[in-house]
Amino acid sequence: MNKLLGCAVAGLSLLGNAMAADLDEIKSRGTLRVAVASLSPFVISDDEGNLRGFEIDSTTGLGEHLGVDIEYIEKPFCELADAVLEGEADMIASGYSNMAWRRRLLDFSLPYHDTEYFVVVAKKVAKRARTVRGLNRKDIKIAYQEGGVSGEVAKGEFPGADLTPFSSFTQIVEALEDGSVDGAVMFEPYLEVAKDIKSRKYVIPHEYALTRTIEAFAVDQNSEELRMALNEWVMAQDLEGYWDELEKTWFSSENMVVSAPPPYRCPSMIAVQ
């Protein structure tokens, strides 16, 4: 992970929120409000609504370091930024990638993880398309996560395909299982889950990643002291090998699970009555 810590987090933001809490207010309150979205193995939600995963462990450790309790605020992935900008949450911890458009709204801590995105498609569709470029056809339906990196990749790589948004990768896997989509832009462990689907045979037609991202904690631009505290903690944990151990724990075969479907949908996907 040290190679990631060499990446400086830019503060190119244009917007801010005077309601955002900074470190003193958080410590006075005694609670750090963390916005999360169901995204295995970063945040795994079971049928009873219990949370576990990479980010739950990391933020629990962060809370102990800061001397505060953690309150998790569950949102659709597409609403995580709004939760911070509107003052509902103090930070985001959900395998949240540091991307240019997000830096215009939020500030990021030093990164602690990286992710590679691939396209997975039904074997018969891959045969027909022959190449990744060949998937760029209106008769091929490719799923992506609304508000996430996979959507940007799908729109950039396959603008001519029938692109279909979903609120979560859980729902994408269900769509792959029932055959309502031909493929999806995904990352591990969802790639393994897709390849294990029994109803249809799915393959990754290209050995190289479509894109690679770095993940970090995100905070409001006015929360400078919180961001600095996060940077110190991320760096200290990295020197102790914490992030590598956390990755080994959660990105293992036994944790390649799909979370329970989230009890929400992205507003842009809800039909107007």
C-alpha atoms as a PDB file:
ATOM      1  CA  MET A   1       0.000   0.000   0.000  1.00  0.00           C
ATOM      2  CA  ASN A   2       2.948   2.394   0.382  1.00  0.00           C
ATOM      3  CA  LYS A   3       2.862   3.112  -3.342  1.00  0.00           C
ATOM      4  CA  LEU A   4      -0.619   4.563  -2.892  1.00  0.00           C
ATOM      5  CA  LEU A   5       0.418   6.877  -0.097  1.00  0.00           C
ATOM      6  CA  GLY A   6       2.653   8.726  -2.503  1.00  0.00           C
ATOM      7  CA  CYS A   7      -0.470  10.055  -4.240  1.00  0.00           C
ATOM      8  CA  ALA A   8      -1.317  13.498  -2.901  1.00  0.00           C
ATOM      9  CA  VAL A   9      -5.017  14.176  -2.509  1.00  0.00           C
ATOM     10  CA  ALA A  10      -5.949  17.306  -4.438  1.00  0.00           C
ATOM     11  CA  GLY A  11      -8.347  19.914  -3.077  1.00  0.00           C
ATOM     12  CA  LEU A  12      -9.932  21.122  -6.291  1.00  0.00           C
ATOM     13  CA  SER A  13     -13.374  21.616  -4.764  1.00  0.00           C
ATOM     14  CA  LEU A  14     -15.829  24.216  -5.909  1.00  0.00           C
ATOM     15  CA  LEU A  15     -18.571  23.615  -3.345  1.00  0.00           C
ATOM     16  CA  GLY A  16     -18.681  23.503   0.444  1.00  0.00           C
ATOM     17  CA  ASN A  17     -21.184  23.228   3.301  1.00  0.00           C
ATOM     18  CA  ALA A  18     -21.103  25.446   6.352  1.00  0.00           C
ATOM     19  CA  MET A  19     -22.984  22.739   8.293  1.00  0.00           C
ATOM     20  CA  ALA A  20     -20.126  20.246   7.966  1.00  0.00           C
ATOM     21  CA  ALA A  21     -18.686  19.038  11.280  1.00  0.00           C
ATOM     22  CA  ASP A  22     -14.956  19.181  11.888  1.00  0.00           C
ATOM     23  CA  LEU A  23     -12.881  17.246  14.409  1.00  0.00           C
ATOM     24  CA  ASP A  24     -13.564  19.383  17.505  1.00  0.00           C
ATOM     25  CA  GLU A  25     -17.325  19.160  17.010  1.00  0.00           C
ATOM     26  CA  ILE A  26     -17.124  15.405  16.381  1.00  0.00           C
ATOM     27  CA  LYS A  27     -15.131  14.833  19.571  1.00  0.00           C
ATOM     28  CA  SER A  28     -17.466  17.075  21.546  1.00  0.00           C
ATOM     29  CA  ARG A  29     -20.437  15.145  20.188  1.00  0.00           C
ATOM     30  CA  GLY A  30     -18.690  11.859  20.920  1.00  0.00           C
ATOM     31  CA  THR A  31     -19.860  10.307  17.667  1.00  0.00           C
ATOM     32  CA  LEU A  32     -18.367  10.086  14.186  1.00  0.00           C
ATOM     33  CA  ARG A  33     -21.130   9.718  11.602  1.00  0.00           C
ATOM     34  CA  VAL A  34     -19.967   7.516   8.736  1.00  0.00           C
ATOM     35  CA  ALA A  35     -21.926   7.229   5.494  1.00  0.00           C
ATOM     36  CA  VAL A  36     -21.798   3.704   4.058  1.00  0.00           C
ATOM     37  CA  ALA A  37     -23.381   1.806   1.176  1.00  0.00           C
ATOM     38  CA  SER A  38     -23.713  -1.944   0.774  1.00  0.00           C
ATOM     39  CA  LEU A  39     -20.644  -2.955  -1.252  1.00  0.00           C
ATOM     40  CA  SER A  40     -19.089  -6.320  -0.419  1.00  0.00           C
ATOM     41  CA  PRO A  41     -16.502  -6.859   0.969  1.00  0.00           C
ATOM     42  CA  PHE A  42     -16.103  -3.195   1.993  1.00  0.00           C
ATOM     43  CA  VAL A  43     -19.541  -3.038   3.618  1.00  0.00           C
ATOM     44  CA  ILE A  44     -21.532  -6.258   3.966  1.00  0.00           C
ATOM     45  CA  SER A  45     -25.126  -6.032   5.159  1.00  0.00           C
ATOM     46  CA  ASP A  46     -26.925  -9.212   6.200  1.00  0.00           C
ATOM     47  CA  ASP A  47     -30.675  -9.882   6.122  1.00  0.00           C
ATOM     48  CA  GLU A  48     -31.027  -8.534   9.675  1.00  0.00           C
ATOM     49  CA  GLY A  49     -29.296  -5.279   8.759  1.00  0.00           C
ATOM     50  CA  ASN A  50     -26.061  -6.056  10.618  1.00  0.00           C
ATOM     51  CA  LEU A  51     -22.941  -4.534   9.075  1.00  0.00           C
ATOM     52  CA  ARG A  52     -19.481  -6.054   8.731  1.00  0.00           C
ATOM     53  CA  GLY A  53     -16.595  -5.829   6.286  1.00  0.00           C
ATOM     54  CA  PHE A  54     -13.372  -4.018   5.439  1.00  0.00           C
ATOM     55  CA  GLU A  55     -14.746  -0.523   6.137  1.00  0.00           C
ATOM     56  CA  ILE A  56     -16.590  -1.563   9.292  1.00  0.00           C
ATOM     57  CA  ASP A  57     -13.330  -2.882  10.762  1.00  0.00           C
ATOM     58  CA  SER A  58     -11.370   0.165   9.594  1.00  0.00           C
ATOM     59  CA  THR A  59     -13.812   2.747  10.969  1.00  0.00           C
ATOM     60  CA  THR A  60     -14.171   0.826  14.234  1.00  0.00           C
ATOM     61  CA  GLY A  61     -10.401   1.145  14.649  1.00  0.00           C
ATOM     62  CA  LEU A  62     -10.585   4.799  13.659  1.00  0.00           C
ATOM     63  CA  GLY A  63     -13.262   5.464  16.276  1.00  0.00           C
ATOM     64  CA  GLU A  64     -11.118   3.856  18.966  1.00  0.00           C
ATOM     65  CA  HIS A  65      -8.178   6.012  17.879  1.00  0.00           C
ATOM     66  CA  LEU A  66     -10.232   9.219  18.003  1.00  0.00           C
ATOM     67  CA  GLY A  67     -12.037   8.226  21.205  1.00  0.00           C
ATOM     68  CA  VAL A  68     -15.523   8.438  19.680  1.00  0.00           C
ATOM     69  CA  ASP A  69     -18.373   6.080  18.850  1.00  0.00           C
ATOM     70  CA  ILE A  70     -19.243   5.285  15.228  1.00  0.00           C
ATOM     71  CA  GLU A  71     -22.723   5.871  13.854  1.00  0.00           C
ATOM     72  CA  TYR A  72     -23.280   4.292  10.435  1.00  0.00           C
ATOM     73  CA  ILE A  73     -25.622   6.081   8.060  1.00  0.00           C
ATOM     74  CA  GLU A  74     -26.702   3.725   5.269  1.00  0.00           C
ATOM     75  CA  LYS A  75     -27.359   5.295   1.884  1.00  0.00           C
ATOM     76  CA  PRO A  76     -27.553   4.285  -1.760  1.00  0.00           C
ATOM     77  CA  PHE A  77     -24.039   4.565  -3.205  1.00  0.00           C
ATOM     78  CA  CYS A  78     -25.262   7.416  -5.420  1.00  0.00           C
ATOM     79  CA  GLU A  79     -26.217   9.476  -2.313  1.00  0.00           C
ATOM     80  CA  LEU A  80     -23.031   9.117  -0.259  1.00  0.00           C
ATOM     81  CA  ALA A  81     -21.640  12.502  -1.308  1.00  0.00           C
ATOM     82  CA  ASP A  82     -24.954  14.214  -0.545  1.00  0.00           C
ATOM     83  CA  ALA A  83     -24.950  12.740   2.966  1.00  0.00           C
ATOM     84  CA  VAL A  84     -21.708  14.607   3.725  1.00  0.00           C
ATOM     85  CA  LEU A  85     -22.475  17.785   1.784  1.00  0.00           C
ATOM     86  CA  GLU A  86     -25.850  18.147   3.515  1.00  0.00           C
ATOM     87  CA  GLY A  87     -24.344  17.603   6.974  1.00  0.00           C
ATOM     88  CA  GLU A  88     -26.038  14.254   7.629  1.00  0.00           C
ATOM     89  CA  ALA A  89     -22.685  12.433   7.845  1.00  0.00           C
ATOM     90  CA  ASP A  90     -19.125  13.501   8.686  1.00  0.00           C
ATOM     91  CA  MET A  91     -17.319  11.206   6.258  1.00  0.00           C
ATOM     92  CA  ILE A  92     -17.698   8.414   3.703  1.00  0.00           C
ATOM     93  CA  ALA A  93     -16.151   4.940   4.092  1.00  0.00           C
ATOM     94  CA  SER A  94     -17.430   2.587   1.399  1.00  0.00           C
ATOM     95  CA  GLY A  95     -14.613   1.624  -0.907  1.00  0.00           C
ATOM     96  CA  TYR A  96     -15.060   5.187  -2.176  1.00  0.00           C
ATOM     97  CA  SER A  97     -12.756   6.029  -5.084  1.00  0.00           C
ATOM     98  CA  ASN A  98     -10.866   9.310  -5.291  1.00  0.00           C
ATOM     99  CA  MET A  99     -12.056  10.656  -8.644  1.00  0.00           C
ATOM    100  CA  ALA A 100     -11.786  14.073 -10.290  1.00  0.00           C
ATOM    101  CA  TRP A 101     -15.493  14.900 -10.218  1.00  0.00           C
ATOM    102  CA  ARG A 102     -15.736  13.866  -6.566  1.00  0.00           C
ATOM    103  CA  ARG A 103     -12.765  16.088  -5.686  1.00  0.00           C
ATOM    104  CA  ARG A 104     -14.800  19.049  -6.913  1.00  0.00           C
ATOM    105  CA  LEU A 105     -17.262  18.296  -4.087  1.00  0.00           C
ATOM    106  CA  LEU A 106     -15.253  16.610  -1.345  1.00  0.00           C
ATOM    107  CA  ASP A 107     -11.774  16.254   0.107  1.00  0.00           C
ATOM    108  CA  PHE A 108     -10.077  12.859   0.401  1.00  0.00           C
ATOM    109  CA  SER A 109      -7.729  11.286   2.877  1.00  0.00           C
ATOM    110  CA  LEU A 110      -4.616   9.434   1.802  1.00  0.00           C
ATOM    111  CA  PRO A 111      -5.606   6.250  -0.043  1.00  0.00           C
ATOM    112  CA  TYR A 112      -5.578   2.806   1.558  1.00  0.00           C
ATOM    113  CA  HIS A 113      -6.757   0.473  -1.206  1.00  0.00           C
ATOM    114  CA  ASP A 114      -6.872   0.122  -4.992  1.00  0.00           C
ATOM    115  CA  THR A 115      -9.406  -1.591  -7.251  1.00  0.00           C
ATOM    116  CA  GLU A 116      -9.386  -2.861 -10.832  1.00  0.00           C
ATOM    117  CA  TYR A 117     -12.577  -2.918 -12.907  1.00  0.00           C
ATOM    118  CA  PHE A 118     -13.303  -5.462 -15.652  1.00  0.00           C
ATOM    119  CA  VAL A 119     -16.258  -6.292 -17.858  1.00  0.00           C
ATOM    120  CA  VAL A 120     -17.815  -9.739 -17.383  1.00  0.00           C
ATOM    121  CA  VAL A 121     -20.210 -11.043 -20.049  1.00  0.00           C
ATOM    122  CA  ALA A 122     -22.129 -14.185 -20.944  1.00  0.00           C
ATOM    123  CA  LYS A 123     -19.865 -16.591 -22.823  1.00  0.00           C
ATOM    124  CA  LYS A 124     -22.162 -16.745 -25.846  1.00  0.00           C
ATOM    125  CA  VAL A 125     -22.210 -12.938 -26.022  1.00  0.00           C
ATOM    126  CA  ALA A 126     -18.396 -12.784 -25.781  1.00  0.00           C
ATOM    127  CA  LYS A 127     -18.179 -15.242 -28.680  1.00  0.00           C
ATOM    128  CA  ARG A 128     -20.502 -13.110 -30.773  1.00  0.00           C
ATOM    129  CA  ALA A 129     -18.727  -9.865 -29.913  1.00  0.00           C
ATOM    130  CA  ARG A 130     -15.216 -11.370 -30.323  1.00  0.00           C
ATOM    131  CA  THR A 131     -13.504  -8.341 -28.769  1.00  0.00           C
ATOM    132  CA  VAL A 132     -14.209  -5.908 -25.931  1.00  0.00           C
ATOM    133  CA  ARG A 133     -14.874  -3.247 -28.557  1.00  0.00           C
ATOM    134  CA  GLY A 134     -17.387  -5.629 -30.092  1.00  0.00           C
ATOM    135  CA  LEU A 135     -19.525  -5.343 -26.946  1.00  0.00           C
ATOM    136  CA  ASN A 136     -20.319  -1.766 -27.964  1.00  0.00           C
ATOM    137  CA  ARG A 137     -23.641  -2.752 -29.584  1.00  0.00           C
ATOM    138  CA  LYS A 138     -27.253  -1.845 -28.886  1.00  0.00           C
ATOM    139  CA  ASP A 139     -28.298  -5.501 -28.705  1.00  0.00           C
ATOM    140  CA  ILE A 140     -25.912  -6.145 -25.776  1.00  0.00           C
ATOM    141  CA  LYS A 141     -27.171  -5.084 -22.346  1.00  0.00           C
ATOM    142  CA  ILE A 142     -24.428  -4.132 -19.876  1.00  0.00           C
ATOM    143  CA  ALA A 143     -25.173  -3.376 -16.217  1.00  0.00           C
ATOM    144  CA  TYR A 144     -23.393  -0.880 -13.987  1.00  0.00           C
ATOM    145  CA  GLN A 145     -23.739   0.585 -10.508  1.00  0.00           C
ATOM    146  CA  GLU A 146     -25.523   3.925 -10.434  1.00  0.00           C
ATOM    147  CA  GLY A 147     -23.303   6.655  -8.958  1.00  0.00           C
ATOM    148  CA  GLY A 148     -20.184   4.488  -8.897  1.00  0.00           C
ATOM    149  CA  VAL A 149     -16.997   3.991 -10.903  1.00  0.00           C
ATOM    150  CA  SER A 150     -18.488   1.125 -12.907  1.00  0.00           C
ATOM    151  CA  GLY A 151     -21.002   3.557 -14.408  1.00  0.00           C
ATOM    152  CA  GLU A 152     -18.295   5.929 -15.607  1.00  0.00           C
ATOM    153  CA  VAL A 153     -16.350   3.003 -17.060  1.00  0.00           C
ATOM    154  CA  ALA A 154     -19.420   1.564 -18.774  1.00  0.00           C
ATOM    155  CA  LYS A 155     -20.375   4.903 -20.306  1.00  0.00           C
ATOM    156  CA  GLY A 156     -16.808   5.574 -21.421  1.00  0.00           C
ATOM    157  CA  GLU A 157     -16.033   2.117 -22.836  1.00  0.00           C
ATOM    158  CA  PHE A 158     -19.441   1.004 -24.142  1.00  0.00           C
ATOM    159  CA  PRO A 159     -21.441   4.110 -25.131  1.00  0.00           C
ATOM    160  CA  GLY A 160     -23.105   2.205 -27.958  1.00  0.00           C
ATOM    161  CA  ALA A 161     -24.331  -0.672 -25.754  1.00  0.00           C
ATOM    162  CA  ASP A 162     -27.660  -0.886 -23.942  1.00  0.00           C
ATOM    163  CA  LEU A 163     -26.413   0.377 -20.566  1.00  0.00           C
ATOM    164  CA  THR A 164     -28.580  -0.511 -17.566  1.00  0.00           C
ATOM    165  CA  PRO A 165     -28.113   1.120 -14.124  1.00  0.00           C
ATOM    166  CA  PHE A 166     -28.661  -0.633 -10.784  1.00  0.00           C
ATOM    167  CA  SER A 167     -28.491   0.663  -7.217  1.00  0.00           C
ATOM    168  CA  SER A 168     -26.083  -2.056  -6.073  1.00  0.00           C
ATOM    169  CA  PHE A 169     -23.853  -4.875  -7.266  1.00  0.00           C
ATOM    170  CA  THR A 170     -26.170  -7.225  -5.374  1.00  0.00           C
ATOM    171  CA  GLN A 171     -28.925  -6.337  -7.817  1.00  0.00           C
ATOM    172  CA  ILE A 172     -26.507  -6.647 -10.744  1.00  0.00           C
ATOM    173  CA  VAL A 173     -25.632 -10.208  -9.721  1.00  0.00           C
ATOM    174  CA  GLU A 174     -29.345 -11.023  -9.533  1.00  0.00           C
ATOM    175  CA  ALA A 175     -29.791  -9.603 -13.044  1.00  0.00           C
ATOM    176  CA  LEU A 176     -26.898 -11.714 -14.315  1.00  0.00           C
ATOM    177  CA  GLU A 177     -28.458 -14.788 -12.699  1.00  0.00           C
ATOM    178  CA  ASP A 178     -31.855 -14.316 -14.305  1.00  0.00           C
ATOM    179  CA  GLY A 179     -30.364 -13.300 -17.654  1.00  0.00           C
ATOM    180  CA  SER A 180     -31.983  -9.865 -17.799  1.00  0.00           C
ATOM    181  CA  VAL A 181     -28.554  -8.386 -18.658  1.00  0.00           C
ATOM    182  CA  ASP A 182     -25.758  -9.785 -20.811  1.00  0.00           C
ATOM    183  CA  GLY A 183     -22.861  -8.525 -18.725  1.00  0.00           C
ATOM    184  CA  ALA A 184     -21.638  -5.939 -16.245  1.00  0.00           C
ATOM    185  CA  VAL A 185     -18.684  -3.747 -15.288  1.00  0.00           C
ATOM    186  CA  MET A 186     -17.522  -5.109 -11.925  1.00  0.00           C
ATOM    187  CA  PHE A 187     -14.595  -5.702  -9.565  1.00  0.00           C
ATOM    188  CA  GLU A 188     -13.565  -8.516  -7.220  1.00  0.00           C
ATOM    189  CA  PRO A 189     -15.215 -10.246  -5.404  1.00  0.00           C
ATOM    190  CA  TYR A 190     -18.206  -9.714  -7.690  1.00  0.00           C
ATOM    191  CA  LEU A 191     -16.267 -11.012 -10.690  1.00  0.00           C
ATOM    192  CA  GLU A 192     -15.796 -14.368  -8.957  1.00  0.00           C
ATOM    193  CA  VAL A 193     -19.454 -14.401  -7.911  1.00  0.00           C
ATOM    194  CA  ALA A 194     -20.492 -13.770 -11.533  1.00  0.00           C
ATOM    195  CA  LYS A 195     -18.221 -16.498 -12.889  1.00  0.00           C
ATOM    196  CA  ASP A 196     -19.745 -18.955 -10.382  1.00  0.00           C
ATOM    197  CA  ILE A 197     -23.319 -18.349 -11.553  1.00  0.00           C
ATOM    198  CA  LYS A 198     -24.813 -21.696 -12.571  1.00  0.00           C
ATOM    199  CA  SER A 199     -27.695 -20.455 -14.716  1.00  0.00           C
ATOM    200  CA  ARG A 200     -25.389 -18.969 -17.383  1.00  0.00           C
ATOM    201  CA  LYS A 201     -21.685 -19.107 -18.157  1.00  0.00           C
ATOM    202  CA  TYR A 202     -19.917 -15.769 -17.639  1.00  0.00           C
ATOM    203  CA  VAL A 203     -16.370 -14.893 -18.676  1.00  0.00           C
ATOM    204  CA  ILE A 204     -13.986 -11.923 -18.574  1.00  0.00           C
ATOM    205  CA  PRO A 205     -13.170 -11.356 -22.262  1.00  0.00           C
ATOM    206  CA  HIS A 206     -10.148  -9.122 -21.658  1.00  0.00           C
ATOM    207  CA  GLU A 207      -7.250  -9.878 -19.296  1.00  0.00           C
ATOM    208  CA  TYR A 208      -6.435  -6.215 -18.694  1.00  0.00           C
ATOM    209  CA  ALA A 209      -8.423  -3.973 -16.366  1.00  0.00           C
ATOM    210  CA  LEU A 210     -10.596  -1.303 -17.951  1.00  0.00           C
ATOM    211  CA  THR A 211      -9.532   1.072 -15.174  1.00  0.00           C
ATOM    212  CA  ARG A 212      -7.845   1.136 -11.771  1.00  0.00           C
ATOM    213  CA  THR A 213      -8.938   3.359  -8.902  1.00  0.00           C
ATOM    214  CA  ILE A 214      -7.680   4.244  -5.425  1.00  0.00           C
ATOM    215  CA  GLU A 215     -10.009   4.265  -2.437  1.00  0.00           C
ATOM    216  CA  ALA A 216      -9.936   6.671   0.493  1.00  0.00           C
ATOM    217  CA  PHE A 217     -12.092   8.310   3.156  1.00  0.00           C
ATOM    218  CA  ALA A 218     -14.018  11.350   1.904  1.00  0.00           C
ATOM    219  CA  VAL A 219     -14.968  14.407   3.966  1.00  0.00           C
ATOM    220  CA  ASP A 220     -16.477  17.836   3.460  1.00  0.00           C
ATOM    221  CA  GLN A 221     -14.062  20.484   2.220  1.00  0.00           C
ATOM    222  CA  ASN A 222     -14.544  22.469   5.429  1.00  0.00           C
ATOM    223  CA  SER A 223     -13.441  19.524   7.586  1.00  0.00           C
ATOM    224  CA  GLU A 224      -9.699  20.148   7.300  1.00  0.00           C
ATOM    225  CA  GLU A 225      -8.798  18.974  10.827  1.00  0.00           C
ATOM    226  CA  LEU A 226     -10.730  15.734  10.319  1.00  0.00           C
ATOM    227  CA  ARG A 227      -8.963  15.126   7.004  1.00  0.00           C
ATOM    228  CA  MET A 228      -5.563  15.698   8.621  1.00  0.00           C
ATOM    229  CA  ALA A 229      -6.451  13.298  11.452  1.00  0.00           C
ATOM    230  CA  LEU A 230      -7.514  10.703   8.895  1.00  0.00           C
ATOM    231  CA  ASN A 231      -4.238  11.123   6.996  1.00  0.00           C
ATOM    232  CA  GLU A 232      -2.204  10.608  10.160  1.00  0.00           C
ATOM    233  CA  TRP A 233      -4.173   7.489  11.040  1.00  0.00           C
ATOM    234  CA  VAL A 234      -4.048   6.024   7.518  1.00  0.00           C
ATOM    235  CA  MET A 235      -0.277   6.563   7.378  1.00  0.00           C
ATOM    236  CA  ALA A 236       0.347   5.109  10.852  1.00  0.00           C
ATOM    237  CA  GLN A 237      -1.763   2.041  10.045  1.00  0.00           C
ATOM    238  CA  ASP A 238       0.032   1.568   6.742  1.00  0.00           C
ATOM    239  CA  LEU A 239       3.433   1.528   8.452  1.00  0.00           C
ATOM    240  CA  GLU A 240       2.147  -1.277  10.683  1.00  0.00           C
ATOM    241  CA  GLY A 241       0.855  -3.315   7.719  1.00  0.00           C
ATOM    242  CA  TYR A 242      -2.750  -2.867   8.855  1.00  0.00           C
ATOM    243  CA  TRP A 243      -4.259  -2.277   5.417  1.00  0.00           C
ATOM    244  CA  ASP A 244      -2.576  -5.319   3.912  1.00  0.00           C
ATOM    245  CA  GLU A 245      -3.846  -7.495   6.760  1.00  0.00           C
ATOM    246  CA  LEU A 246      -7.340  -6.063   6.446  1.00  0.00           C
ATOM    247  CA  GLU A 247      -7.291  -6.807   2.735  1.00  0.00           C
ATOM    248  CA  LYS A 248      -6.202 -10.409   3.384  1.00  0.00           C
ATOM    249  CA  THR A 249      -9.020 -10.801   5.896  1.00  0.00           C
ATOM    250  CA  TRP A 250     -11.872  -9.483   3.778  1.00  0.00           C
ATOM    251  CA  PHE A 251     -10.740 -10.065   0.192  1.00  0.00           C
ATOM    252  CA  SER A 252     -10.542 -13.817   0.740  1.00  0.00           C
ATOM    253  CA  SER A 253     -12.623 -16.587  -0.823  1.00  0.00           C
ATOM    254  CA  GLU A 254     -14.775 -17.098   2.290  1.00  0.00           C
ATOM    255  CA  ASN A 255     -15.770 -13.430   2.225  1.00  0.00           C
ATOM    256  CA  MET A 256     -16.613 -13.335  -1.464  1.00  0.00           C
ATOM    257  CA  VAL A 257     -20.246 -12.903  -0.572  1.00  0.00           C
ATOM    258  CA  VAL A 258     -23.013 -10.699  -1.834  1.00  0.00           C
ATOM    259  CA  SER A 259     -24.760  -8.436   0.651  1.00  0.00           C
ATOM    260  CA  ALA A 260     -28.458  -8.531   1.245  1.00  0.00           C
ATOM    261  CA  PRO A 261     -30.319  -6.248  -1.199  1.00  0.00           C
ATOM    262  CA  PRO A 262     -30.312  -2.682   0.151  1.00  0.00           C
ATOM    263  CA  PRO A 263     -33.680  -1.247   1.271  1.00  0.00           C
ATOM    264  CA  TYR A 264     -33.319   1.735  -1.049  1.00  0.00           C
ATOM    265  CA  ARG A 265     -32.886   2.723  -4.679  1.00  0.00           C
ATOM    266  CA  CYS A 266     -31.171   5.626  -6.362  1.00  0.00           C
ATOM    267  CA  PRO A 267     -33.708   8.446  -6.928  1.00  0.00           C
ATOM    268  CA  SER A 268     -32.917   8.623 -10.644  1.00  0.00           C
ATOM    269  CA  MET A 269     -34.029   5.011 -10.990  1.00  0.00           C
ATOM    270  CA  ILE A 270     -37.403   5.369  -9.255  1.00  0.00           C
ATOM    271  CA  ALA A 271     -40.283   5.705 -11.686  1.00  0.00           C
ATOM    272  CA  VAL A 272     -42.262   8.935 -11.442  1.00  0.00           C
ATOM    273  CA  GLN A 273     -45.859   8.142 -10.461  1.00  0.00           C
END
